[in-house]
Amino acid sequence: MTPRTLTLAALAALVVGVGLMVLFDTAATLVVSVVLLFAYLVLGVFAIAAPEHLGELGDRDDSPGD
């Protein structure tokens, strides 16, 4: 999956998870919302730690020049 797809999936999990948690108050929807919020965290970490993003960080030359 691309970082963009992971980001969109993370945001969708966040919106649906928060929506279920706020709108409904049954045990089943609370369990599903907590699982979706955990999925949001995991997907967000994978989106941030994608090799494409990490490679861009290594290309910078922030060291003091000679």
N, C-alpha and C. Protein backbone atom coordinates (compact mmCIF):
# COMPACT_ATOMS: atom_id res chain seq x y z
N MET A 1 0.83 -1.18 0.00
CA MET A 1 0.00 0.00 0.00
C MET A 1 0.88 1.25 0.00
N THR A 2 0.42 2.24 -0.69
CA THR A 2 1.16 3.50 -0.73
C THR A 2 0.89 4.31 0.53
N PRO A 3 1.76 5.23 0.85
CA PRO A 3 1.53 6.07 2.03
C PRO A 3 0.22 6.86 1.95
N ARG A 4 -0.16 7.26 0.74
CA ARG A 4 -1.42 8.00 0.58
C ARG A 4 -2.61 7.11 0.91
N THR A 5 -2.58 5.86 0.47
CA THR A 5 -3.66 4.93 0.76
C THR A 5 -3.73 4.63 2.25
N LEU A 6 -2.58 4.46 2.87
CA LEU A 6 -2.55 4.23 4.32
C LEU A 6 -3.09 5.43 5.08
N THR A 7 -2.75 6.62 4.62
CA THR A 7 -3.25 7.83 5.28
C THR A 7 -4.76 7.94 5.16
N LEU A 8 -5.29 7.66 3.97
CA LEU A 8 -6.74 7.72 3.78
C LEU A 8 -7.45 6.65 4.61
N ALA A 9 -6.87 5.46 4.68
CA ALA A 9 -7.47 4.40 5.49
C ALA A 9 -7.43 4.76 6.97
N ALA A 10 -6.35 5.38 7.41
CA ALA A 10 -6.23 5.80 8.81
C ALA A 10 -7.28 6.86 9.13
N LEU A 11 -7.45 7.82 8.26
CA LEU A 11 -8.45 8.86 8.49
C LEU A 11 -9.86 8.30 8.47
N ALA A 12 -10.12 7.35 7.58
CA ALA A 12 -11.45 6.72 7.55
C ALA A 12 -11.71 5.95 8.84
N ALA A 13 -10.71 5.24 9.33
CA ALA A 13 -10.86 4.51 10.59
C ALA A 13 -11.11 5.46 11.74
N LEU A 14 -10.44 6.61 11.73
CA LEU A 14 -10.64 7.61 12.79
C LEU A 14 -12.06 8.17 12.75
N VAL A 15 -12.53 8.56 11.58
CA VAL A 15 -13.86 9.16 11.46
C VAL A 15 -14.95 8.17 11.84
N VAL A 16 -14.85 6.95 11.34
CA VAL A 16 -15.87 5.94 11.66
C VAL A 16 -15.78 5.55 13.13
N GLY A 17 -14.59 5.39 13.66
CA GLY A 17 -14.42 5.02 15.07
C GLY A 17 -14.98 6.06 16.02
N VAL A 18 -14.66 7.32 15.77
CA VAL A 18 -15.18 8.39 16.62
C VAL A 18 -16.69 8.52 16.44
N GLY A 19 -17.14 8.40 15.20
CA GLY A 19 -18.59 8.48 14.95
C GLY A 19 -19.36 7.40 15.69
N LEU A 20 -18.87 6.18 15.65
CA LEU A 20 -19.55 5.10 16.37
C LEU A 20 -19.52 5.32 17.88
N MET A 21 -18.39 5.83 18.36
CA MET A 21 -18.26 6.02 19.80
C MET A 21 -19.19 7.13 20.30
N VAL A 22 -19.35 8.17 19.51
CA VAL A 22 -20.16 9.31 19.94
C VAL A 22 -21.65 9.05 19.75
N LEU A 23 -22.01 8.43 18.63
CA LEU A 23 -23.43 8.29 18.30
C LEU A 23 -24.13 7.13 18.99
N PHE A 24 -23.41 6.06 19.28
CA PHE A 24 -24.03 4.87 19.85
C PHE A 24 -23.41 4.54 21.19
N ASP A 25 -24.19 3.88 22.05
CA ASP A 25 -23.70 3.60 23.39
C ASP A 25 -23.93 2.14 23.78
N THR A 26 -23.85 1.24 22.83
CA THR A 26 -23.97 -0.17 23.17
C THR A 26 -22.57 -0.77 23.26
N ALA A 27 -22.48 -1.91 23.89
CA ALA A 27 -21.17 -2.54 24.09
C ALA A 27 -20.53 -2.92 22.75
N ALA A 28 -21.33 -3.42 21.84
CA ALA A 28 -20.79 -3.86 20.55
C ALA A 28 -20.19 -2.70 19.76
N THR A 29 -20.89 -1.57 19.73
CA THR A 29 -20.35 -0.43 18.97
C THR A 29 -19.14 0.18 19.66
N LEU A 30 -19.10 0.13 20.97
CA LEU A 30 -17.91 0.63 21.67
C LEU A 30 -16.69 -0.24 21.39
N VAL A 31 -16.90 -1.56 21.31
CA VAL A 31 -15.79 -2.46 20.99
C VAL A 31 -15.30 -2.20 19.57
N VAL A 32 -16.23 -2.06 18.64
CA VAL A 32 -15.85 -1.80 17.25
C VAL A 32 -15.14 -0.45 17.13
N SER A 33 -15.62 0.55 17.85
CA SER A 33 -14.99 1.87 17.76
C SER A 33 -13.57 1.85 18.35
N VAL A 34 -13.37 1.12 19.43
CA VAL A 34 -12.02 1.03 20.00
C VAL A 34 -11.08 0.30 19.04
N VAL A 35 -11.56 -0.74 18.40
CA VAL A 35 -10.75 -1.46 17.41
C VAL A 35 -10.40 -0.54 16.25
N LEU A 36 -11.37 0.26 15.79
CA LEU A 36 -11.10 1.19 14.69
C LEU A 36 -10.11 2.28 15.10
N LEU A 37 -10.20 2.74 16.33
CA LEU A 37 -9.25 3.76 16.79
C LEU A 37 -7.85 3.17 16.92
N PHE A 38 -7.75 1.92 17.33
CA PHE A 38 -6.45 1.25 17.36
C PHE A 38 -5.91 1.08 15.93
N ALA A 39 -6.79 0.73 15.00
CA ALA A 39 -6.39 0.61 13.60
C ALA A 39 -5.90 1.95 13.06
N TYR A 40 -6.53 3.04 13.49
CA TYR A 40 -6.09 4.37 13.10
C TYR A 40 -4.64 4.62 13.55
N LEU A 41 -4.33 4.25 14.76
CA LEU A 41 -2.96 4.44 15.26
C LEU A 41 -1.96 3.61 14.47
N VAL A 42 -2.29 2.35 14.24
CA VAL A 42 -1.37 1.46 13.53
C VAL A 42 -1.18 1.92 12.09
N LEU A 43 -2.27 2.23 11.40
CA LEU A 43 -2.16 2.68 10.02
C LEU A 43 -1.42 4.01 9.92
N GLY A 44 -1.64 4.88 10.89
CA GLY A 44 -0.93 6.16 10.89
C GLY A 44 0.57 5.98 11.05
N VAL A 45 0.96 5.08 11.92
CA VAL A 45 2.39 4.82 12.11
C VAL A 45 3.00 4.25 10.84
N PHE A 46 2.31 3.32 10.19
CA PHE A 46 2.84 2.76 8.96
C PHE A 46 2.87 3.79 7.83
N ALA A 47 1.92 4.72 7.82
CA ALA A 47 1.92 5.77 6.80
C ALA A 47 3.09 6.72 7.01
N ILE A 48 3.39 7.03 8.26
CA ILE A 48 4.50 7.95 8.55
C ILE A 48 5.84 7.26 8.33
N ALA A 49 5.94 5.99 8.69
CA ALA A 49 7.20 5.26 8.60
C ALA A 49 7.37 4.52 7.27
N ALA A 50 6.70 4.99 6.23
CA ALA A 50 6.84 4.37 4.91
C ALA A 50 8.26 4.60 4.40
N PRO A 51 8.83 3.63 3.72
CA PRO A 51 10.20 3.77 3.22
C PRO A 51 10.38 4.99 2.31
N GLU A 52 9.33 5.36 1.57
CA GLU A 52 9.44 6.53 0.70
C GLU A 52 9.69 7.79 1.52
N HIS A 53 8.99 7.94 2.64
CA HIS A 53 9.18 9.11 3.49
C HIS A 53 10.53 9.06 4.21
N LEU A 54 10.92 7.89 4.65
CA LEU A 54 12.18 7.77 5.36
C LEU A 54 13.35 8.01 4.42
N GLY A 55 13.22 7.62 3.17
CA GLY A 55 14.27 7.88 2.19
C GLY A 55 14.44 9.36 1.92
N GLU A 56 13.32 10.10 1.93
CA GLU A 56 13.39 11.54 1.72
C GLU A 56 14.13 12.21 2.86
N LEU A 57 13.96 11.72 4.07
CA LEU A 57 14.65 12.30 5.21
C LEU A 57 16.15 12.12 5.11
N GLY A 58 16.59 11.00 4.54
CA GLY A 58 18.01 10.74 4.43
C GLY A 58 18.68 11.54 3.32
N ASP A 59 17.90 12.08 2.38
CA ASP A 59 18.47 12.82 1.26
C ASP A 59 18.85 14.26 1.63
N ARG A 60 18.38 14.73 2.75
CA ARG A 60 18.68 16.11 3.16
C ARG A 60 20.13 16.21 3.62
N ASP A 61 20.73 17.35 3.33
CA ASP A 61 22.09 17.59 3.79
C ASP A 61 22.05 18.74 4.79
N ASP A 62 21.71 18.43 6.03
CA ASP A 62 21.61 19.44 7.09
C ASP A 62 22.91 19.63 7.83
N SER A 63 23.94 18.90 7.44
CA SER A 63 25.21 19.02 8.15
C SER A 63 25.87 20.36 7.79
N PRO A 64 26.65 20.89 8.72
CA PRO A 64 27.32 22.16 8.43
C PRO A 64 28.27 22.02 7.25
N GLY A 65 28.27 23.00 6.40
CA GLY A 65 29.14 22.95 5.21
C GLY A 65 30.58 23.21 5.54
N ASP A 66 31.46 22.85 4.57
CA ASP A 66 32.88 23.10 4.83
C ASP A 66 33.21 24.52 4.52
